[in-house]
Amino acid sequence: MRAYLLRLTAAAILAAVLRKLAPKNGAGQATRLGAGLLILLAALKPLAEADLMRAALELGQLGTSDVLSTEPLDVTANSLLAGLIRDEAETYILDKADTLGLSIRAEVETKLWEDYPVPWSVRLYGEPTEPQKAALSKVLEEELGIPAARQEWIDM
């Protein structure tokens, strides 16, 4: 989430500078349009990376559910959100592991915290060195809020 907000902020700053420097003629209009598109692309990038097919299938099942069902819509919405958060956290972990030269597989579990799903625990499959394991463990704790006690390392 932090990386997304940083990308979006950087795109907004760059777009503001481009718009300010753009001349008032036709070329300037094209520049201002490009600046707007830059912000739009930065904002929509996570949608391109998300598993939209799975989300669409789950949303499609909402329409076929029993009208008298006791499951509140909030539970279903949180389930969809938890899936997206899990996928984003796993991708983030794999990116961080890659920067450490580590080849792993990650499975994140989410938990509702104050009515909002958050990454709660992680199971990591691979064969890290102790320094790699310590570095990734620190990132998981500091950036995702998953303490070492809820990080399970499984050698493969």
C-alpha atoms as a PDB file:
ATOM      1  CA  MET A   1       0.000   0.000   0.000  1.00  0.00           C
ATOM      2  CA  ARG A   2       2.860   2.336   0.874  1.00  0.00           C
ATOM      3  CA  ALA A   3       4.536   1.772  -2.502  1.00  0.00           C
ATOM      4  CA  TYR A   4       1.235   2.452  -4.269  1.00  0.00           C
ATOM      5  CA  LEU A   5       0.747   5.743  -2.416  1.00  0.00           C
ATOM      6  CA  LEU A   6       4.332   6.779  -3.145  1.00  0.00           C
ATOM      7  CA  ARG A   7       3.882   6.026  -6.876  1.00  0.00           C
ATOM      8  CA  LEU A   8       0.607   7.937  -6.945  1.00  0.00           C
ATOM      9  CA  THR A   9       2.110  10.931  -5.118  1.00  0.00           C
ATOM     10  CA  ALA A  10       5.146  10.968  -7.409  1.00  0.00           C
ATOM     11  CA  ALA A  11       2.883  10.836 -10.469  1.00  0.00           C
ATOM     12  CA  ALA A  12       0.763  13.704  -9.106  1.00  0.00           C
ATOM     13  CA  ILE A  13       3.834  15.858  -8.428  1.00  0.00           C
ATOM     14  CA  LEU A  14       5.271  15.135 -11.866  1.00  0.00           C
ATOM     15  CA  ALA A  15       1.906  15.880 -13.495  1.00  0.00           C
ATOM     16  CA  ALA A  16       1.617  19.184 -11.606  1.00  0.00           C
ATOM     17  CA  VAL A  17       5.087  20.244 -12.754  1.00  0.00           C
ATOM     18  CA  LEU A  18       4.317  19.251 -16.368  1.00  0.00           C
ATOM     19  CA  ARG A  19       1.023  21.151 -16.308  1.00  0.00           C
ATOM     20  CA  LYS A  20       2.711  24.253 -14.865  1.00  0.00           C
ATOM     21  CA  LEU A  21       5.505  24.205 -17.467  1.00  0.00           C
ATOM     22  CA  ALA A  22       3.252  23.400 -20.443  1.00  0.00           C
ATOM     23  CA  PRO A  23       2.759  26.241 -22.919  1.00  0.00           C
ATOM     24  CA  LYS A  24      -0.736  27.613 -23.474  1.00  0.00           C
ATOM     25  CA  ASN A  25      -0.900  26.420 -27.107  1.00  0.00           C
ATOM     26  CA  GLY A  26      -1.944  23.067 -28.636  1.00  0.00           C
ATOM     27  CA  ALA A  27       1.249  21.319 -27.566  1.00  0.00           C
ATOM     28  CA  GLY A  28       0.541  22.447 -24.016  1.00  0.00           C
ATOM     29  CA  GLN A  29      -2.929  20.924 -24.178  1.00  0.00           C
ATOM     30  CA  ALA A  30      -1.401  17.612 -25.216  1.00  0.00           C
ATOM     31  CA  THR A  31       1.080  17.859 -22.346  1.00  0.00           C
ATOM     32  CA  ARG A  32      -1.701  18.593 -19.835  1.00  0.00           C
ATOM     33  CA  LEU A  33      -3.701  15.634 -21.201  1.00  0.00           C
ATOM     34  CA  GLY A  34      -0.631  13.412 -20.860  1.00  0.00           C
ATOM     35  CA  ALA A  35      -0.162  14.596 -17.262  1.00  0.00           C
ATOM     36  CA  GLY A  36      -3.754  13.643 -16.453  1.00  0.00           C
ATOM     37  CA  LEU A  37      -3.286  10.240 -18.069  1.00  0.00           C
ATOM     38  CA  LEU A  38      -0.117   9.728 -16.017  1.00  0.00           C
ATOM     39  CA  ILE A  39      -2.077  10.158 -12.784  1.00  0.00           C
ATOM     40  CA  LEU A  40      -4.862   7.902 -14.074  1.00  0.00           C
ATOM     41  CA  LEU A  41      -2.385   5.152 -14.983  1.00  0.00           C
ATOM     42  CA  ALA A  42      -0.659   5.403 -11.608  1.00  0.00           C
ATOM     43  CA  ALA A  43      -4.021   5.146  -9.836  1.00  0.00           C
ATOM     44  CA  LEU A  44      -5.242   2.178 -11.889  1.00  0.00           C
ATOM     45  CA  LYS A  45      -1.997   0.145 -11.943  1.00  0.00           C
ATOM     46  CA  PRO A  46      -3.063  -2.106  -9.011  1.00  0.00           C
ATOM     47  CA  LEU A  47      -6.189  -3.075 -10.953  1.00  0.00           C
ATOM     48  CA  ALA A  48      -4.032  -4.371 -13.788  1.00  0.00           C
ATOM     49  CA  GLU A  49      -2.075  -6.501 -11.325  1.00  0.00           C
ATOM     50  CA  ALA A  50      -5.078  -7.772  -9.350  1.00  0.00           C
ATOM     51  CA  ASP A  51      -6.774 -11.079 -10.022  1.00  0.00           C
ATOM     52  CA  LEU A  52      -9.864  -9.456 -11.528  1.00  0.00           C
ATOM     53  CA  MET A  53     -11.219 -12.705 -12.960  1.00  0.00           C
ATOM     54  CA  ARG A  54     -11.515 -14.256  -9.505  1.00  0.00           C
ATOM     55  CA  ALA A  55     -13.072 -11.071  -8.089  1.00  0.00           C
ATOM     56  CA  ALA A  56     -15.580 -10.969 -10.968  1.00  0.00           C
ATOM     57  CA  LEU A  57     -16.541 -14.599 -10.384  1.00  0.00           C
ATOM     58  CA  GLU A  58     -17.054 -13.978  -6.680  1.00  0.00           C
ATOM     59  CA  LEU A  59     -19.118 -10.875  -7.413  1.00  0.00           C
ATOM     60  CA  GLY A  60     -21.165 -12.867  -9.927  1.00  0.00           C
ATOM     61  CA  GLN A  61     -22.028 -15.347  -7.212  1.00  0.00           C
ATOM     62  CA  LEU A  62     -23.565 -12.517  -5.178  1.00  0.00           C
ATOM     63  CA  GLY A  63     -26.407 -12.266  -7.675  1.00  0.00           C
ATOM     64  CA  THR A  64     -27.190 -15.986  -7.430  1.00  0.00           C
ATOM     65  CA  SER A  65     -27.167 -16.176  -3.653  1.00  0.00           C
ATOM     66  CA  ASP A  66     -30.293 -16.939  -1.687  1.00  0.00           C
ATOM     67  CA  VAL A  67     -32.303 -13.792  -0.985  1.00  0.00           C
ATOM     68  CA  LEU A  68     -33.057 -15.048   2.504  1.00  0.00           C
ATOM     69  CA  SER A  69     -29.392 -15.691   3.257  1.00  0.00           C
ATOM     70  CA  THR A  70     -28.263 -14.523   6.681  1.00  0.00           C
ATOM     71  CA  GLU A  71     -24.744 -13.696   5.454  1.00  0.00           C
ATOM     72  CA  PRO A  72     -24.424  -9.923   5.452  1.00  0.00           C
ATOM     73  CA  LEU A  73     -23.037  -8.177   2.409  1.00  0.00           C
ATOM     74  CA  ASP A  74     -20.211  -6.799   4.585  1.00  0.00           C
ATOM     75  CA  VAL A  75     -18.857 -10.317   5.115  1.00  0.00           C
ATOM     76  CA  THR A  76     -18.766 -10.936   1.368  1.00  0.00           C
ATOM     77  CA  ALA A  77     -17.175  -7.559   0.688  1.00  0.00           C
ATOM     78  CA  ASN A  78     -14.547  -8.220   3.380  1.00  0.00           C
ATOM     79  CA  SER A  79     -13.891 -11.625   1.821  1.00  0.00           C
ATOM     80  CA  LEU A  80     -13.227 -10.032  -1.559  1.00  0.00           C
ATOM     81  CA  LEU A  81     -11.079  -7.348   0.012  1.00  0.00           C
ATOM     82  CA  ALA A  82      -9.169  -9.942   2.039  1.00  0.00           C
ATOM     83  CA  GLY A  83      -8.390 -11.822  -1.182  1.00  0.00           C
ATOM     84  CA  LEU A  84      -7.062  -8.688  -2.844  1.00  0.00           C
ATOM     85  CA  ILE A  85      -4.990  -7.761   0.221  1.00  0.00           C
ATOM     86  CA  ARG A  86      -3.610 -11.309   0.417  1.00  0.00           C
ATOM     87  CA  ASP A  87      -2.610 -11.216  -3.262  1.00  0.00           C
ATOM     88  CA  GLU A  88      -0.984  -7.780  -2.950  1.00  0.00           C
ATOM     89  CA  ALA A  89       0.909  -8.805   0.201  1.00  0.00           C
ATOM     90  CA  GLU A  90       2.180 -11.995  -1.442  1.00  0.00           C
ATOM     91  CA  THR A  91       3.350 -10.038  -4.503  1.00  0.00           C
ATOM     92  CA  TYR A  92       5.039  -7.488  -2.244  1.00  0.00           C
ATOM     93  CA  ILE A  93       6.823 -10.226  -0.290  1.00  0.00           C
ATOM     94  CA  LEU A  94       8.034 -11.914  -3.472  1.00  0.00           C
ATOM     95  CA  ASP A  95       9.362  -8.565  -4.772  1.00  0.00           C
ATOM     96  CA  LYS A  96      11.236  -7.942  -1.513  1.00  0.00           C
ATOM     97  CA  ALA A  97      12.590 -11.507  -1.521  1.00  0.00           C
ATOM     98  CA  ASP A  98      13.760 -11.059  -5.107  1.00  0.00           C
ATOM     99  CA  THR A  99      15.722  -7.940  -4.148  1.00  0.00           C
ATOM    100  CA  LEU A 100      17.452 -10.070  -1.498  1.00  0.00           C
ATOM    101  CA  GLY A 101      18.313 -12.718  -4.101  1.00  0.00           C
ATOM    102  CA  LEU A 102      15.839 -15.141  -2.581  1.00  0.00           C
ATOM    103  CA  SER A 103      13.575 -17.503  -4.509  1.00  0.00           C
ATOM    104  CA  ILE A 104      10.575 -18.337  -2.335  1.00  0.00           C
ATOM    105  CA  ARG A 105       6.849 -18.952  -2.371  1.00  0.00           C
ATOM    106  CA  ALA A 106       4.646 -17.024   0.075  1.00  0.00           C
ATOM    107  CA  GLU A 107       1.163 -17.741   1.430  1.00  0.00           C
ATOM    108  CA  VAL A 108      -0.368 -14.871   3.393  1.00  0.00           C
ATOM    109  CA  GLU A 109      -3.341 -15.240   5.720  1.00  0.00           C
ATOM    110  CA  THR A 110      -5.485 -12.238   6.560  1.00  0.00           C
ATOM    111  CA  LYS A 111      -7.491 -11.459   9.670  1.00  0.00           C
ATOM    112  CA  LEU A 112     -10.155  -8.876  10.398  1.00  0.00           C
ATOM    113  CA  TRP A 113      -8.757  -6.085  12.531  1.00  0.00           C
ATOM    114  CA  GLU A 114     -11.180  -3.293  13.418  1.00  0.00           C
ATOM    115  CA  ASP A 115     -13.546  -4.550  10.672  1.00  0.00           C
ATOM    116  CA  TYR A 116     -10.808  -4.425   8.016  1.00  0.00           C
ATOM    117  CA  PRO A 117      -8.778  -7.382   6.685  1.00  0.00           C
ATOM    118  CA  VAL A 118      -5.023  -7.089   7.259  1.00  0.00           C
ATOM    119  CA  PRO A 119      -2.092  -9.437   6.572  1.00  0.00           C
ATOM    120  CA  TRP A 120      -1.883 -11.542   9.741  1.00  0.00           C
ATOM    121  CA  SER A 121       0.530 -14.395   9.152  1.00  0.00           C
ATOM    122  CA  VAL A 122       2.706 -15.780   6.397  1.00  0.00           C
ATOM    123  CA  ARG A 123       4.066 -19.180   5.422  1.00  0.00           C
ATOM    124  CA  LEU A 124       7.273 -18.969   3.380  1.00  0.00           C
ATOM    125  CA  TYR A 125       8.649 -21.847   1.317  1.00  0.00           C
ATOM    126  CA  GLY A 126      12.284 -21.798   0.235  1.00  0.00           C
ATOM    127  CA  GLU A 127      15.866 -22.200   1.388  1.00  0.00           C
ATOM    128  CA  PRO A 128      17.118 -18.811   2.563  1.00  0.00           C
ATOM    129  CA  THR A 129      20.463 -18.143   4.166  1.00  0.00           C
ATOM    130  CA  GLU A 130      20.256 -16.819   7.732  1.00  0.00           C
ATOM    131  CA  PRO A 131      21.046 -13.215   6.643  1.00  0.00           C
ATOM    132  CA  GLN A 132      18.371 -13.385   3.898  1.00  0.00           C
ATOM    133  CA  LYS A 133      15.847 -14.827   6.331  1.00  0.00           C
ATOM    134  CA  ALA A 134      16.607 -12.153   8.935  1.00  0.00           C
ATOM    135  CA  ALA A 135      16.387  -9.337   6.370  1.00  0.00           C
ATOM    136  CA  LEU A 136      13.063 -10.513   4.936  1.00  0.00           C
ATOM    137  CA  SER A 137      11.680 -11.205   8.394  1.00  0.00           C
ATOM    138  CA  LYS A 138      12.505  -7.633   9.396  1.00  0.00           C
ATOM    139  CA  VAL A 139      10.745  -6.269   6.286  1.00  0.00           C
ATOM    140  CA  LEU A 140       7.661  -8.382   7.009  1.00  0.00           C
ATOM    141  CA  GLU A 141       7.500  -7.079  10.557  1.00  0.00           C
ATOM    142  CA  GLU A 142       8.207  -3.416   9.822  1.00  0.00           C
ATOM    143  CA  GLU A 143       6.300  -2.944   6.579  1.00  0.00           C
ATOM    144  CA  LEU A 144       3.459  -5.475   6.755  1.00  0.00           C
ATOM    145  CA  GLY A 145       3.072  -5.740  10.531  1.00  0.00           C
ATOM    146  CA  ILE A 146       3.638  -9.514  10.595  1.00  0.00           C
ATOM    147  CA  PRO A 147       5.887 -10.297  13.594  1.00  0.00           C
ATOM    148  CA  ALA A 148       8.413 -13.128  13.504  1.00  0.00           C
ATOM    149  CA  ALA A 149       6.102 -15.226  15.711  1.00  0.00           C
ATOM    150  CA  ARG A 150       3.561 -15.349  12.862  1.00  0.00           C
ATOM    151  CA  GLN A 151       6.131 -16.071  10.133  1.00  0.00           C
ATOM    152  CA  GLU A 152       6.519 -19.763   9.361  1.00  0.00           C
ATOM    153  CA  TRP A 153       9.558 -20.751   7.292  1.00  0.00           C
ATOM    154  CA  ILE A 154       9.418 -24.120   5.541  1.00  0.00           C
ATOM    155  CA  ASP A 155      12.596 -25.402   3.849  1.00  0.00           C
ATOM    156  CA  MET A 156      12.076 -26.909   0.426  1.00  0.00           C
END
